[in-house]
Amino acid sequence: MLTINKQSDYGMLLISLLGSGTDFVSLGVLVDKTKLPHRFLAKIAAALAKNKILLSKEGKEGGYKLAGNWHNVSLYDYLRIFEGDMAVCGCHEQHDSCHYQHICQHRSFLEKKLTGLVTTQLKKIRLGELFS
């Protein structure tokens, strides 16, 4: 089964909480609403800000809000922030260090076809579609 990690999942929760608001929301408020650890949520928010999905502002009136074009980011690009390589099979991440490479006949299919299909579909989906 394909699964996403907690950072990807909670990042979407963060986007959902920020909604269409125009004001910056402090990390403390977001921690109160989610009950997630402060450092963990700060790491997620920082990654989203670095990738231009969130805007961040320091200071008393600071916090996070959605960037103007966040809704046009593909689900593929979003997931790569937290998931890294989008290989369907774990052996693809190992590159050529698989012990069974000499007898494996399905790696090429999984690597080229299945990963390609998943990647193509994820690139078609925009974050805005998930939150409309």
Protein backbone atom coordinates (compact mmCIF):
# COMPACT_ATOMS: atom_id res chain seq x y z
CA MET A 1 0.00 0.00 0.00
CA LEU A 2 1.24 3.46 -0.82
CA THR A 3 1.37 5.66 2.25
CA ILE A 4 2.55 9.15 3.03
CA ASN A 5 4.58 10.00 6.10
CA LYS A 6 3.35 12.03 9.06
CA GLN A 7 5.08 15.20 7.91
CA SER A 8 3.22 15.12 4.59
CA ASP A 9 -0.05 14.37 6.36
CA TYR A 10 0.36 17.04 9.03
CA GLY A 11 1.55 19.55 6.44
CA MET A 12 -1.81 19.14 4.72
CA LEU A 13 -3.50 19.59 8.08
CA LEU A 14 -1.56 22.82 8.52
CA ILE A 15 -2.66 24.05 5.08
CA SER A 16 -6.25 23.16 5.94
CA LEU A 17 -6.09 25.07 9.23
CA LEU A 18 -4.69 28.17 7.58
CA GLY A 19 -7.54 27.99 5.07
CA SER A 20 -8.21 31.14 3.14
CA GLY A 21 -7.29 33.44 6.01
CA THR A 22 -5.32 36.54 5.20
CA ASP A 23 -3.70 37.05 8.60
CA PHE A 24 -0.55 35.40 9.88
CA VAL A 25 -1.27 32.72 12.49
CA SER A 26 1.31 32.12 15.18
CA LEU A 27 2.92 28.74 15.56
CA GLY A 28 1.63 28.66 19.14
CA VAL A 29 -1.97 28.91 17.94
CA LEU A 30 -1.36 26.16 15.39
CA VAL A 31 0.19 23.95 18.07
CA ASP A 32 -2.84 24.55 20.32
CA LYS A 33 -5.23 23.58 17.53
CA THR A 34 -3.34 20.47 16.39
CA LYS A 35 -1.84 19.30 19.69
CA LEU A 36 1.31 18.42 17.73
CA PRO A 37 4.75 18.97 19.27
CA HIS A 38 6.00 22.53 18.73
CA ARG A 39 9.35 21.52 17.22
CA PHE A 40 7.73 19.01 14.85
CA LEU A 41 5.16 21.51 13.59
CA ALA A 42 7.84 24.22 13.31
CA LYS A 43 9.91 21.91 11.11
CA ILE A 44 6.92 21.21 8.85
CA ALA A 45 5.96 24.89 8.62
CA ALA A 46 9.55 25.89 7.84
CA ALA A 47 9.74 23.33 5.02
CA LEU A 48 6.47 24.60 3.56
CA ALA A 49 7.70 28.19 3.79
CA LYS A 50 11.02 27.28 2.18
CA ASN A 51 9.07 25.75 -0.71
CA LYS A 52 6.82 28.80 -1.10
CA ILE A 53 3.61 27.12 0.03
CA LEU A 54 3.49 29.21 3.20
CA LEU A 55 4.65 32.71 3.94
CA SER A 56 6.38 33.29 7.26
CA LYS A 57 6.82 36.43 9.28
CA GLU A 58 8.83 36.86 12.45
CA GLY A 59 7.88 38.97 15.42
CA LYS A 60 4.88 39.68 17.62
CA GLU A 61 2.46 39.82 14.69
CA GLY A 62 4.25 36.99 12.90
CA GLY A 63 3.44 33.43 12.10
CA TYR A 64 2.40 31.62 8.95
CA LYS A 65 -0.19 32.02 6.24
CA LEU A 66 -0.76 30.47 2.85
CA ALA A 67 1.30 31.89 0.00
CA GLY A 68 -0.60 33.47 -2.85
CA ASN A 69 -0.05 30.65 -5.33
CA TRP A 70 -0.10 27.64 -2.98
CA HIS A 71 -3.17 26.12 -4.65
CA ASN A 72 -1.31 25.65 -7.96
CA VAL A 73 1.46 23.49 -6.47
CA SER A 74 1.18 19.90 -7.70
CA LEU A 75 0.62 17.12 -5.21
CA TYR A 76 3.82 15.55 -6.58
CA ASP A 77 5.88 18.66 -5.73
CA TYR A 78 4.24 18.90 -2.31
CA LEU A 79 4.96 15.27 -1.43
CA ARG A 80 8.58 15.54 -2.57
CA ILE A 81 9.13 18.14 0.17
CA PHE A 82 8.64 15.50 2.84
CA GLU A 83 8.89 12.18 1.01
CA GLY A 84 11.90 12.79 -1.20
CA ASP A 85 12.09 10.43 -4.16
CA MET A 86 8.66 9.15 -5.16
CA ALA A 87 9.76 5.60 -6.01
CA VAL A 88 6.98 3.05 -5.58
CA CYS A 89 9.33 0.29 -4.46
CA GLY A 90 11.92 0.72 -1.73
CA CYS A 91 14.63 -0.97 -3.76
CA HIS A 92 14.62 1.98 -6.17
CA GLU A 93 15.90 4.20 -3.41
CA GLN A 94 18.87 1.87 -2.92
CA HIS A 95 19.88 2.38 -6.55
CA ASP A 96 22.16 -0.52 -7.50
CA SER A 97 22.72 -2.06 -4.07
CA CYS A 98 19.89 -4.61 -4.28
CA HIS A 99 21.09 -8.12 -3.44
CA TYR A 100 18.52 -9.66 -5.78
CA GLN A 101 19.16 -7.48 -8.81
CA HIS A 102 20.63 -10.40 -10.78
CA ILE A 103 17.39 -12.42 -10.49
CA CYS A 104 14.77 -9.68 -10.12
CA GLN A 105 12.58 -9.36 -13.17
CA HIS A 106 10.01 -6.89 -11.87
CA ARG A 107 12.24 -4.00 -10.79
CA SER A 108 12.36 -2.48 -14.26
CA PHE A 109 8.57 -2.60 -14.56
CA LEU A 110 8.04 -1.07 -11.14
CA GLU A 111 10.68 1.57 -11.70
CA LYS A 112 9.66 2.64 -15.20
CA LYS A 113 5.95 1.88 -15.48
CA LEU A 114 4.37 1.96 -12.04
CA THR A 115 6.45 4.79 -10.61
CA GLY A 116 5.92 6.67 -13.87
CA LEU A 117 2.14 6.24 -13.70
CA VAL A 118 1.97 7.36 -10.10
CA THR A 119 4.24 10.34 -10.77
CA THR A 120 2.21 11.43 -13.80
CA GLN A 121 -1.05 11.33 -11.84
CA LEU A 122 0.38 13.16 -8.82
CA LYS A 123 1.68 15.91 -11.11
CA LYS A 124 -1.85 16.44 -12.47
CA ILE A 125 -3.40 17.06 -9.04
CA ARG A 126 -3.12 20.56 -7.56
CA LEU A 127 -3.15 21.23 -3.82
CA GLY A 128 -6.14 23.51 -4.30
CA GLU A 129 -8.19 20.49 -5.41
CA LEU A 130 -7.64 18.82 -2.04
CA PHE A 131 -8.97 21.76 -0.07
CA SER A 132 -11.90 22.96 -2.17
